[in-house]
Amino acid sequence: MAIALKLGQKFMLRRQHKEATVELAKLNREMALRMITLAHETGEVKPLIDAVNALRSSEELYSQDTVQIDNARIQKKLGDVLLSVGKNENNIAAIDAAISAYRGAITIASMLGAQNLRMEARKSYALALNYVGKSERTQKFSLMGAA
């Protein structure tokens, strides 16, 4: 009986953890959307960069059954806006944030098997890297060297 009770508690804790993870992802997505609205109202780039960071911060908690495709779409759109701002205003911080947003979109789209979104994000990612004088090939090597 004690074993069954422990298993029941373990199952309950796992379920609570999963629910908390889903809630955290929703909160991060909501915060990102509010930051996007703030950026639109103020014309500032920093809230967009903060939105990317908010979405990326909860990626380590994602699993296939808790992550939502909307997170990938939002990150792709953020990347597009930041890349455009970065190119138009020669703002490297915006382009770096776009690169991060595209990486997040690629990761989530890959997890969920959303191949079209993944390919769109990869193309945009390569464009952003190219704009700052990097390539996917050099990016991979620099990441491997850091490991």
N, C-alpha and C. Protein backbone atom coordinates (compact mmCIF):
# COMPACT_ATOMS: atom_id res chain seq x y z
N MET A 1 0.82 -1.18 0.00
CA MET A 1 0.00 0.00 0.00
C MET A 1 0.86 1.25 0.00
N ALA A 2 1.96 1.24 0.75
CA ALA A 2 2.85 2.40 0.79
C ALA A 2 3.46 2.66 -0.58
N ILE A 3 3.76 1.59 -1.32
CA ILE A 3 4.33 1.74 -2.67
C ILE A 3 3.30 2.38 -3.60
N ALA A 4 2.06 1.94 -3.50
CA ALA A 4 1.01 2.52 -4.35
C ALA A 4 0.81 3.99 -4.03
N LEU A 5 0.89 4.34 -2.76
CA LEU A 5 0.75 5.74 -2.35
C LEU A 5 1.89 6.59 -2.91
N LYS A 6 3.12 6.07 -2.85
CA LYS A 6 4.27 6.79 -3.38
C LYS A 6 4.15 6.95 -4.89
N LEU A 7 3.71 5.92 -5.58
CA LEU A 7 3.52 6.01 -7.03
C LEU A 7 2.45 7.03 -7.38
N GLY A 8 1.39 7.06 -6.59
CA GLY A 8 0.33 8.03 -6.81
C GLY A 8 0.83 9.45 -6.61
N GLN A 9 1.64 9.66 -5.58
CA GLN A 9 2.21 10.98 -5.33
C GLN A 9 3.16 11.39 -6.45
N LYS A 10 3.94 10.42 -6.90
CA LYS A 10 4.89 10.69 -7.99
C LYS A 10 4.14 11.09 -9.25
N PHE A 11 3.07 10.38 -9.58
CA PHE A 11 2.26 10.70 -10.75
C PHE A 11 1.65 12.09 -10.60
N MET A 12 1.14 12.40 -9.40
CA MET A 12 0.52 13.69 -9.16
C MET A 12 1.55 14.83 -9.31
N LEU A 13 2.76 14.61 -8.79
CA LEU A 13 3.81 15.62 -8.91
C LEU A 13 4.22 15.84 -10.36
N ARG A 14 4.30 14.77 -11.13
CA ARG A 14 4.63 14.90 -12.56
C ARG A 14 3.55 15.69 -13.29
N ARG A 15 2.29 15.40 -12.98
CA ARG A 15 1.19 16.11 -13.62
C ARG A 15 1.23 17.59 -13.25
N GLN A 16 1.49 17.90 -11.98
CA GLN A 16 1.58 19.29 -11.54
C GLN A 16 2.74 20.00 -12.22
N HIS A 17 3.85 19.31 -12.37
CA HIS A 17 5.02 19.89 -13.04
C HIS A 17 4.69 20.21 -14.49
N LYS A 18 4.02 19.29 -15.16
CA LYS A 18 3.63 19.51 -16.55
C LYS A 18 2.68 20.70 -16.66
N GLU A 19 1.71 20.79 -15.77
CA GLU A 19 0.76 21.90 -15.79
C GLU A 19 1.47 23.23 -15.53
N ALA A 20 2.42 23.22 -14.60
CA ALA A 20 3.17 24.45 -14.31
C ALA A 20 4.02 24.86 -15.50
N THR A 21 4.59 23.90 -16.19
CA THR A 21 5.39 24.18 -17.38
C THR A 21 4.54 24.80 -18.48
N VAL A 22 3.36 24.24 -18.69
CA VAL A 22 2.44 24.79 -19.69
C VAL A 22 2.05 26.21 -19.31
N GLU A 23 1.76 26.44 -18.04
CA GLU A 23 1.38 27.77 -17.58
C GLU A 23 2.53 28.76 -17.75
N LEU A 24 3.74 28.35 -17.44
CA LEU A 24 4.91 29.21 -17.60
C LEU A 24 5.09 29.59 -19.07
N ALA A 25 4.93 28.63 -19.96
CA ALA A 25 5.06 28.92 -21.39
C ALA A 25 3.99 29.92 -21.83
N LYS A 26 2.77 29.77 -21.32
CA LYS A 26 1.69 30.72 -21.66
C LYS A 26 2.03 32.12 -21.14
N LEU A 27 2.53 32.19 -19.93
CA LEU A 27 2.89 33.49 -19.35
C LEU A 27 4.02 34.16 -20.13
N ASN A 28 5.02 33.39 -20.52
CA ASN A 28 6.11 33.95 -21.31
C ASN A 28 5.62 34.43 -22.67
N ARG A 29 4.70 33.67 -23.28
CA ARG A 29 4.13 34.07 -24.57
C ARG A 29 3.31 35.36 -24.41
N GLU A 30 2.52 35.43 -23.33
CA GLU A 30 1.72 36.63 -23.07
C GLU A 30 2.62 37.84 -22.82
N MET A 31 3.69 37.64 -22.05
CA MET A 31 4.62 38.73 -21.79
C MET A 31 5.27 39.19 -23.09
N ALA A 32 5.65 38.25 -23.94
CA ALA A 32 6.25 38.60 -25.23
C ALA A 32 5.28 39.41 -26.08
N LEU A 33 4.03 39.00 -26.11
CA LEU A 33 3.03 39.73 -26.89
C LEU A 33 2.84 41.15 -26.36
N ARG A 34 2.87 41.31 -25.05
CA ARG A 34 2.74 42.66 -24.47
C ARG A 34 3.97 43.52 -24.79
N MET A 35 5.13 42.90 -24.82
CA MET A 35 6.34 43.64 -25.17
C MET A 35 6.29 44.07 -26.64
N ILE A 36 5.74 43.23 -27.48
CA ILE A 36 5.58 43.58 -28.89
C ILE A 36 4.65 44.79 -29.01
N THR A 37 3.56 44.77 -28.25
CA THR A 37 2.63 45.90 -28.26
C THR A 37 3.33 47.16 -27.77
N LEU A 38 4.11 47.04 -26.72
CA LEU A 38 4.86 48.18 -26.20
C LEU A 38 5.81 48.73 -27.25
N ALA A 39 6.51 47.86 -27.93
CA ALA A 39 7.44 48.29 -28.98
C ALA A 39 6.70 49.02 -30.09
N HIS A 40 5.53 48.51 -30.43
CA HIS A 40 4.72 49.14 -31.47
C HIS A 40 4.29 50.54 -31.04
N GLU A 41 3.90 50.68 -29.78
CA GLU A 41 3.41 51.97 -29.27
C GLU A 41 4.53 52.99 -29.08
N THR A 42 5.72 52.52 -28.70
CA THR A 42 6.81 53.44 -28.39
C THR A 42 7.82 53.60 -29.53
N GLY A 43 7.83 52.65 -30.44
CA GLY A 43 8.83 52.69 -31.51
C GLY A 43 10.20 52.23 -31.07
N GLU A 44 10.30 51.68 -29.88
CA GLU A 44 11.58 51.21 -29.35
C GLU A 44 11.83 49.76 -29.75
N VAL A 45 13.09 49.41 -29.91
CA VAL A 45 13.49 48.05 -30.29
C VAL A 45 13.68 47.17 -29.07
N LYS A 46 14.10 47.74 -27.95
CA LYS A 46 14.42 46.94 -26.76
C LYS A 46 13.28 46.03 -26.31
N PRO A 47 12.02 46.46 -26.30
CA PRO A 47 10.96 45.52 -25.91
C PRO A 47 10.86 44.31 -26.84
N LEU A 48 11.21 44.47 -28.11
CA LEU A 48 11.21 43.33 -29.03
C LEU A 48 12.31 42.35 -28.67
N ILE A 49 13.47 42.88 -28.34
CA ILE A 49 14.58 42.03 -27.91
C ILE A 49 14.23 41.32 -26.61
N ASP A 50 13.58 42.04 -25.69
CA ASP A 50 13.12 41.43 -24.43
C ASP A 50 12.09 40.34 -24.69
N ALA A 51 11.25 40.54 -25.69
CA ALA A 51 10.24 39.53 -26.04
C ALA A 51 10.92 38.25 -26.52
N VAL A 52 11.95 38.38 -27.33
CA VAL A 52 12.70 37.20 -27.78
C VAL A 52 13.30 36.48 -26.59
N ASN A 53 13.90 37.24 -25.69
CA ASN A 53 14.52 36.64 -24.50
C ASN A 53 13.49 35.93 -23.62
N ALA A 54 12.30 36.51 -23.50
CA ALA A 54 11.24 35.88 -22.70
C ALA A 54 10.83 34.54 -23.30
N LEU A 55 10.67 34.52 -24.60
CA LEU A 55 10.28 33.27 -25.25
C LEU A 55 11.39 32.23 -25.19
N ARG A 56 12.61 32.65 -25.39
CA ARG A 56 13.73 31.71 -25.38
C ARG A 56 14.01 31.18 -23.98
N SER A 57 13.70 31.97 -22.94
CA SER A 57 14.04 31.56 -21.57
C SER A 57 13.28 30.32 -21.12
N SER A 58 12.12 30.08 -21.68
CA SER A 58 11.36 28.91 -21.23
C SER A 58 11.54 27.70 -22.14
N GLU A 59 12.40 27.81 -23.16
CA GLU A 59 12.59 26.68 -24.07
C GLU A 59 13.11 25.43 -23.38
N GLU A 60 13.92 25.59 -22.35
CA GLU A 60 14.47 24.42 -21.68
C GLU A 60 13.39 23.60 -20.97
N LEU A 61 12.23 24.20 -20.78
CA LEU A 61 11.13 23.50 -20.12
C LEU A 61 10.21 22.79 -21.10
N TYR A 62 10.38 23.07 -22.40
CA TYR A 62 9.47 22.54 -23.40
C TYR A 62 9.65 21.04 -23.60
N SER A 63 8.55 20.41 -23.91
CA SER A 63 8.58 19.05 -24.41
C SER A 63 7.56 19.02 -25.53
N GLN A 64 7.54 17.94 -26.29
CA GLN A 64 6.65 17.88 -27.44
C GLN A 64 5.19 18.07 -27.06
N ASP A 65 4.81 17.64 -25.88
CA ASP A 65 3.40 17.76 -25.50
C ASP A 65 3.06 19.04 -24.75
N THR A 66 4.06 19.90 -24.49
CA THR A 66 3.74 21.15 -23.81
C THR A 66 3.99 22.39 -24.67
N VAL A 67 4.85 22.29 -25.66
CA VAL A 67 5.16 23.45 -26.49
C VAL A 67 4.05 23.65 -27.53
N GLN A 68 3.81 24.90 -27.88
CA GLN A 68 2.78 25.20 -28.86
C GLN A 68 3.41 25.83 -30.09
N ILE A 69 2.85 25.54 -31.24
CA ILE A 69 3.36 26.06 -32.50
C ILE A 69 3.30 27.58 -32.53
N ASP A 70 2.39 28.17 -31.77
CA ASP A 70 2.31 29.64 -31.72
C ASP A 70 3.62 30.25 -31.24
N ASN A 71 4.32 29.57 -30.34
CA ASN A 71 5.61 30.09 -29.87
C ASN A 71 6.60 30.21 -31.03
N ALA A 72 6.61 29.21 -31.90
CA ALA A 72 7.50 29.25 -33.06
C ALA A 72 7.08 30.35 -34.02
N ARG A 73 5.79 30.49 -34.25
CA ARG A 73 5.31 31.54 -35.16
C ARG A 73 5.63 32.93 -34.63
N ILE A 74 5.44 33.13 -33.32
CA ILE A 74 5.75 34.42 -32.72
C ILE A 74 7.25 34.71 -32.84
N GLN A 75 8.08 33.71 -32.56
CA GLN A 75 9.52 33.92 -32.66
C GLN A 75 9.95 34.21 -34.09
N LYS A 76 9.34 33.53 -35.05
CA LYS A 76 9.66 33.80 -36.47
C LYS A 76 9.27 35.23 -36.82
N LYS A 77 8.08 35.66 -36.41
CA LYS A 77 7.62 37.02 -36.70
C LYS A 77 8.50 38.05 -36.01
N LEU A 78 8.87 37.79 -34.76
CA LEU A 78 9.79 38.69 -34.06
C LEU A 78 11.12 38.79 -34.80
N GLY A 79 11.62 37.66 -35.24
CA GLY A 79 12.86 37.65 -36.02
C GLY A 79 12.73 38.49 -37.27
N ASP A 80 11.60 38.36 -37.97
CA ASP A 80 11.39 39.14 -39.19
C ASP A 80 11.40 40.64 -38.91
N VAL A 81 10.69 41.04 -37.85
CA VAL A 81 10.62 42.47 -37.51
C VAL A 81 12.00 42.98 -37.08
N LEU A 82 12.67 42.22 -36.24
CA LEU A 82 13.98 42.64 -35.76
C LEU A 82 15.02 42.68 -36.88
N LEU A 83 14.95 41.74 -37.80
CA LEU A 83 15.87 41.75 -38.94
C LEU A 83 15.63 42.99 -39.80
N SER A 84 14.37 43.30 -40.03
CA SER A 84 14.03 44.48 -40.82
C SER A 84 14.53 45.76 -40.14
N VAL A 85 14.26 45.88 -38.84
CA VAL A 85 14.72 47.05 -38.08
C VAL A 85 16.24 47.11 -38.10
N GLY A 86 16.86 45.98 -37.87
CA GLY A 86 18.32 45.93 -37.83
C GLY A 86 18.95 46.36 -39.14
N LYS A 87 18.38 45.89 -40.24
CA LYS A 87 18.91 46.27 -41.55
C LYS A 87 18.65 47.74 -41.83
N ASN A 88 17.45 48.22 -41.53
CA ASN A 88 17.09 49.62 -41.83
C ASN A 88 17.83 50.62 -40.97
N GLU A 89 18.10 50.25 -39.72
CA GLU A 89 18.73 51.17 -38.78
C GLU A 89 20.17 50.80 -38.45
N ASN A 90 20.70 49.79 -39.16
CA ASN A 90 22.05 49.30 -38.91
C ASN A 90 22.25 48.99 -37.43
N ASN A 91 21.28 48.25 -36.87
CA ASN A 91 21.26 47.93 -35.45
C ASN A 91 21.64 46.45 -35.28
N ILE A 92 22.90 46.22 -34.92
CA ILE A 92 23.42 44.85 -34.79
C ILE A 92 22.73 44.10 -33.65
N ALA A 93 22.38 44.80 -32.56
CA ALA A 93 21.69 44.14 -31.44
C ALA A 93 20.35 43.58 -31.91
N ALA A 94 19.65 44.31 -32.76
CA ALA A 94 18.36 43.84 -33.28
C ALA A 94 18.58 42.61 -34.16
N ILE A 95 19.62 42.61 -34.97
CA ILE A 95 19.89 41.46 -35.84
C ILE A 95 20.30 40.25 -35.00
N ASP A 96 21.11 40.47 -33.97
CA ASP A 96 21.49 39.36 -33.09
C ASP A 96 20.25 38.76 -32.41
N ALA A 97 19.32 39.62 -32.00
CA ALA A 97 18.07 39.12 -31.40
C ALA A 97 17.24 38.38 -32.44
N ALA A 98 17.26 38.85 -33.68
CA ALA A 98 16.54 38.15 -34.76
C ALA A 98 17.12 36.76 -34.95
N ILE A 99 18.43 36.66 -34.93
CA ILE A 99 19.09 35.35 -35.07
C ILE A 99 18.65 34.42 -33.95
N SER A 100 18.61 34.94 -32.73
CA SER A 100 18.16 34.13 -31.59
C SER A 100 16.70 33.71 -31.75
N ALA A 101 15.86 34.63 -32.21
CA ALA A 101 14.44 34.32 -32.41
C ALA A 101 14.28 33.24 -33.47
N TYR A 102 15.02 33.35 -34.56
CA TYR A 102 14.93 32.33 -35.61
C TYR A 102 15.39 30.97 -35.09
N ARG A 103 16.45 30.94 -34.28
CA ARG A 103 16.90 29.67 -33.70
C ARG A 103 15.79 29.03 -32.86
N GLY A 104 15.11 29.86 -32.07
CA GLY A 104 14.00 29.35 -31.26
C GLY A 104 12.88 28.81 -32.13
N ALA A 105 12.55 29.53 -33.19
CA ALA A 105 11.49 29.07 -34.09
C ALA A 105 11.87 27.76 -34.76
N ILE A 106 13.13 27.64 -35.16
CA ILE A 106 13.61 26.41 -35.80
C ILE A 106 13.52 25.24 -34.83
N THR A 107 13.95 25.46 -33.60
CA THR A 107 13.93 24.39 -32.60
C THR A 107 12.51 23.89 -32.35
N ILE A 108 11.59 24.80 -32.14
CA ILE A 108 10.22 24.41 -31.84
C ILE A 108 9.57 23.75 -33.06
N ALA A 109 9.77 24.35 -34.23
CA ALA A 109 9.19 23.77 -35.45
C ALA A 109 9.74 22.36 -35.68
N SER A 110 11.02 22.16 -35.39
CA SER A 110 11.61 20.82 -35.52
C SER A 110 10.99 19.84 -34.55
N MET A 111 10.81 20.29 -33.29
CA MET A 111 10.20 19.43 -32.27
C MET A 111 8.81 18.97 -32.68
N LEU A 112 8.07 19.88 -33.31
CA LEU A 112 6.67 19.59 -33.63
C LEU A 112 6.47 19.07 -35.05
N GLY A 113 7.55 18.99 -35.80
CA GLY A 113 7.44 18.48 -37.17
C GLY A 113 6.77 19.46 -38.13
N ALA A 114 6.84 20.75 -37.82
CA ALA A 114 6.27 21.78 -38.69
C ALA A 114 7.32 22.18 -39.72
N GLN A 115 7.47 21.35 -40.75
CA GLN A 115 8.56 21.50 -41.70
C GLN A 115 8.53 22.81 -42.49
N ASN A 116 7.35 23.27 -42.89
CA ASN A 116 7.28 24.52 -43.66
C ASN A 116 7.77 25.69 -42.83
N LEU A 117 7.30 25.79 -41.60
CA LEU A 117 7.73 26.86 -40.71
C LEU A 117 9.22 26.74 -40.43
N ARG A 118 9.70 25.53 -40.23
CA ARG A 118 11.12 25.29 -39.97
C ARG A 118 11.96 25.78 -41.15
N MET A 119 11.55 25.45 -42.36
CA MET A 119 12.31 25.87 -43.54
C MET A 119 12.28 27.40 -43.72
N GLU A 120 11.13 28.01 -43.49
CA GLU A 120 11.04 29.47 -43.57
C GLU A 120 11.97 30.12 -42.55
N ALA A 121 11.97 29.60 -41.33
CA ALA A 121 12.81 30.16 -40.28
C ALA A 121 14.29 29.94 -40.60
N ARG A 122 14.64 28.79 -41.17
CA ARG A 122 16.03 28.51 -41.54
C ARG A 122 16.52 29.48 -42.62
N LYS A 123 15.66 29.75 -43.59
CA LYS A 123 16.04 30.71 -44.65
C LYS A 123 16.28 32.10 -44.05
N SER A 124 15.37 32.52 -43.18
CA SER A 124 15.52 33.83 -42.54
C SER A 124 16.74 33.87 -41.64
N TYR A 125 16.99 32.78 -40.94
CA TYR A 125 18.17 32.66 -40.07
C TYR A 125 19.44 32.82 -40.90
N ALA A 126 19.51 32.13 -42.03
CA ALA A 126 20.68 32.23 -42.90
C ALA A 126 20.85 33.65 -43.42
N LEU A 127 19.75 34.29 -43.77
CA LEU A 127 19.80 35.68 -44.25
C LEU A 127 20.34 36.61 -43.16
N ALA A 128 19.85 36.44 -41.94
CA ALA A 128 20.30 37.28 -40.82
C ALA A 128 21.79 37.05 -40.54
N LEU A 129 22.22 35.79 -40.55
CA LEU A 129 23.64 35.50 -40.35
C LEU A 129 24.48 36.14 -41.45
N ASN A 130 24.02 36.01 -42.67
CA ASN A 130 24.73 36.58 -43.81
C ASN A 130 24.84 38.10 -43.67
N TYR A 131 23.79 38.73 -43.19
CA TYR A 131 23.79 40.18 -43.06
C TYR A 131 24.87 40.67 -42.09
N VAL A 132 25.15 39.90 -41.06
CA VAL A 132 26.19 40.31 -40.10
C VAL A 132 27.54 39.67 -40.43
N GLY A 133 27.66 39.11 -41.63
CA GLY A 133 28.93 38.58 -42.09
C GLY A 133 29.27 37.20 -41.57
N LYS A 134 28.27 36.47 -41.19
CA LYS A 134 28.48 35.10 -40.73
C LYS A 134 27.76 34.18 -41.71
N SER A 135 28.00 32.91 -41.57
CA SER A 135 27.23 31.94 -42.35
C SER A 135 26.84 30.83 -41.39
N GLU A 136 25.89 30.00 -41.81
CA GLU A 136 25.50 28.88 -40.95
C GLU A 136 26.70 27.99 -40.69
N ARG A 137 27.55 27.83 -41.70
CA ARG A 137 28.73 26.98 -41.57
C ARG A 137 29.67 27.53 -40.49
N THR A 138 30.01 28.82 -40.54
CA THR A 138 30.90 29.39 -39.52
C THR A 138 30.22 29.42 -38.16
N GLN A 139 28.91 29.61 -38.15
CA GLN A 139 28.16 29.61 -36.89
C GLN A 139 28.25 28.23 -36.23
N LYS A 140 28.12 27.17 -37.02
CA LYS A 140 28.20 25.81 -36.47
C LYS A 140 29.60 25.55 -35.90
N PHE A 141 30.63 25.99 -36.64
CA PHE A 141 31.99 25.77 -36.16
C PHE A 141 32.27 26.55 -34.89
N SER A 142 31.78 27.78 -34.80
CA SER A 142 32.02 28.57 -33.59
C SER A 142 31.27 27.96 -32.40
N LEU A 143 30.09 27.40 -32.64
CA LEU A 143 29.35 26.74 -31.56
C LEU A 143 30.06 25.48 -31.12
N MET A 144 30.64 24.72 -32.07
CA MET A 144 31.36 23.50 -31.72
C MET A 144 32.62 23.83 -30.93
N GLY A 145 33.30 24.91 -31.30
CA GLY A 145 34.50 25.31 -30.59
C GLY A 145 34.22 25.73 -29.15
N ALA A 146 33.01 26.25 -28.93
CA ALA A 146 32.65 26.69 -27.58
C ALA A 146 32.28 25.52 -26.70
N ALA A 147 31.94 24.39 -27.30
CA ALA A 147 31.48 23.23 -26.53
C ALA A 147 32.60 22.49 -25.87
